[in-house]
Protein backbone atom coordinates (compact mmCIF):
# COMPACT_ATOMS: atom_id res chain seq x y z
CA MET A 1 116.21 -24.16 324.36
CA GLY A 2 117.38 -20.27 324.06
CA PHE A 3 116.02 -17.15 324.51
CA ASN A 4 112.95 -15.14 323.34
CA SER A 5 112.64 -11.49 323.16
CA THR A 6 109.56 -9.31 323.15
CA ILE A 7 109.17 -6.09 321.30
CA LEU A 8 106.55 -3.65 320.97
CA ILE A 9 106.33 -2.31 317.70
CA LEU A 10 104.29 1.00 316.93
CA ASN A 11 102.23 0.52 314.17
CA ASP A 12 101.93 4.43 313.35
CA TYR A 13 105.64 4.27 312.07
CA LEU A 14 105.24 0.95 310.27
CA HIS A 15 105.56 3.44 306.89
CA ASN A 16 108.99 4.24 308.39
CA ILE A 17 109.88 0.57 309.26
CA GLU A 18 109.00 -0.70 305.96
CA SER A 19 111.54 1.72 304.01
CA GLU A 20 114.24 2.03 306.70
CA GLU A 21 117.05 -0.43 305.90
CA THR A 22 118.47 -0.11 309.82
CA PHE A 23 115.54 -1.00 311.70
CA GLY A 24 116.85 -4.45 312.29
CA ALA A 25 120.20 -3.61 313.19
CA ARG A 26 118.56 -1.02 315.85
CA VAL A 27 116.34 -3.72 317.22
CA ALA A 28 119.39 -5.85 317.56
CA GLU A 29 121.61 -3.23 318.99
CA GLN A 30 118.99 -2.13 321.62
CA LEU A 31 118.53 -6.09 322.63
CA SER A 32 122.24 -6.57 323.12
CA LEU A 33 122.63 -3.31 325.16
CA HIS A 34 119.67 -3.50 327.37
CA GLY A 35 118.08 -7.09 327.35
CA GLY A 36 114.81 -5.58 327.82
CA GLY A 37 112.32 -4.03 330.63
CA ARG A 38 113.32 -0.83 330.41
CA ASP A 39 112.32 2.26 328.65
CA ASP A 40 114.13 1.45 325.50
CA ARG A 41 111.98 2.81 323.04
CA SER A 42 112.94 4.69 320.13
CA ASN A 43 109.95 6.18 318.19
CA ASP A 44 108.68 3.07 316.38
CA PHE A 45 109.51 0.35 318.77
CA LYS A 46 110.40 -0.82 322.37
CA VAL A 47 112.24 -4.06 323.86
CA VAL A 48 109.67 -5.37 326.47
CA ALA A 49 111.33 -8.36 327.76
CA GLN A 50 113.89 -10.83 327.04
CA HIS A 51 113.71 -14.31 328.83
CA HIS A 52 114.96 -17.88 328.50
CA ALA A 53 112.29 -20.08 326.08
CA ASP A 54 111.35 -22.11 329.19
CA ASN A 55 110.01 -19.02 331.13
CA THR A 56 106.13 -17.90 330.86
CA GLY A 57 105.59 -14.30 331.43
CA ILE A 58 102.18 -12.14 331.33
CA ILE A 59 102.79 -8.67 329.41
CA LEU A 60 100.04 -6.18 329.26
CA VAL A 61 99.97 -3.64 326.32
CA GLY A 62 98.14 -0.60 325.59
CA GLY A 63 98.78 3.22 325.38
CA ASN A 64 101.61 2.60 323.23
CA THR A 65 103.79 1.04 325.98
CA SER A 66 103.77 -2.03 327.90
CA LYS A 67 104.07 -3.86 331.53
CA ILE A 68 105.66 -7.22 332.35
CA ILE A 69 103.15 -7.82 335.45
CA GLY A 70 104.21 -11.59 336.13
CA PHE A 71 107.16 -13.64 335.11
CA THR A 72 107.97 -17.29 336.42
CA PRO A 73 111.02 -19.08 335.67
CA GLY A 74 110.86 -23.02 334.36
CA GLY A 75 107.59 -24.33 333.07
CA SER A 76 107.03 -26.13 329.84
CA GLY A 77 108.07 -23.30 327.38
CA LYS A 78 105.97 -23.50 324.50
CA TRP A 79 103.78 -26.21 325.67
CA ALA A 80 102.29 -23.96 328.35
CA LEU A 81 100.85 -21.64 325.78
CA GLU A 82 99.72 -24.11 323.04
CA SER A 83 98.34 -27.32 324.87
CA GLU A 84 95.74 -28.20 327.39
CA GLU A 85 98.20 -30.20 329.54
CA GLY A 86 100.78 -26.80 329.83
CA ASP A 87 97.38 -24.80 330.88
CA LYS A 88 98.66 -25.94 334.52
CA ASP A 89 101.64 -23.61 333.97
CA VAL A 90 99.34 -20.68 332.57
CA ILE A 91 97.08 -20.98 335.62
CA ARG A 92 100.03 -21.24 337.89
CA VAL A 93 101.59 -18.17 336.48
CA LEU A 94 98.46 -16.35 336.61
CA ARG A 95 97.90 -17.34 340.39
CA GLU A 96 101.16 -16.07 341.40
CA THR A 97 101.10 -12.93 339.64
CA ALA A 98 97.45 -12.19 341.24
CA ALA A 99 99.04 -12.90 344.39
CA ASN A 100 101.87 -10.56 344.07
CA TYR A 101 99.35 -7.98 343.40
CA GLY A 102 97.50 -9.13 346.87
CA TYR A 103 94.38 -11.28 345.07
CA ARG A 104 93.72 -14.90 344.94
CA LEU A 105 92.45 -16.36 341.39
CA SER A 106 89.66 -19.05 341.59
CA LYS A 107 88.30 -21.30 338.98
CA ILE A 108 84.88 -20.42 337.71
CA PRO A 109 82.49 -23.65 337.94
CA ASP A 110 81.90 -25.41 334.77
CA ASN A 111 78.04 -24.60 334.97
CA GLN A 112 78.80 -20.79 334.86
CA ARG A 113 81.60 -20.73 332.48
CA SER A 114 79.43 -20.23 329.04
CA LYS A 115 79.20 -16.62 330.08
CA TRP A 116 82.75 -15.81 330.10
CA ARG A 117 84.96 -16.19 327.04
CA LYS A 118 86.68 -19.23 326.10
CA PRO A 119 90.62 -18.93 326.14
CA TYR A 120 91.98 -17.63 322.69
CA ARG A 121 94.42 -20.27 321.43
CA GLY A 122 95.00 -18.60 317.89
CA ARG A 123 97.66 -17.06 316.34
CA GLY A 124 97.06 -13.09 316.20
CA LEU A 125 94.21 -11.58 317.43
CA VAL A 126 93.14 -8.33 316.79
CA PHE A 127 90.60 -6.31 319.22
């Protein structure tokens, strides 16, 4: 299946990225040197993670940085993120992450779910 890389691009620097011919080469260099997960940030991007495509992770992003809070090997890869059936893997990762932080994840009864937002299944989300 291959590997995936997650990078954080700082939008404040898009004007530099757009005009810079070496941006792709700099990203490739950081990915090959460090493999992500460290403070590999240049002024305009940071390598967040690299992992096998079948793995699932939870990454928090904010304040011009990121933090990997949950990660589990295996699972169904893209299906874990794009299908109802794959939600089992998503819930498994959430439960494991909560347990690592000393918490339990429990399901909200169906009759109370309307109070909560539905899972987002779109392609791009801007808050």
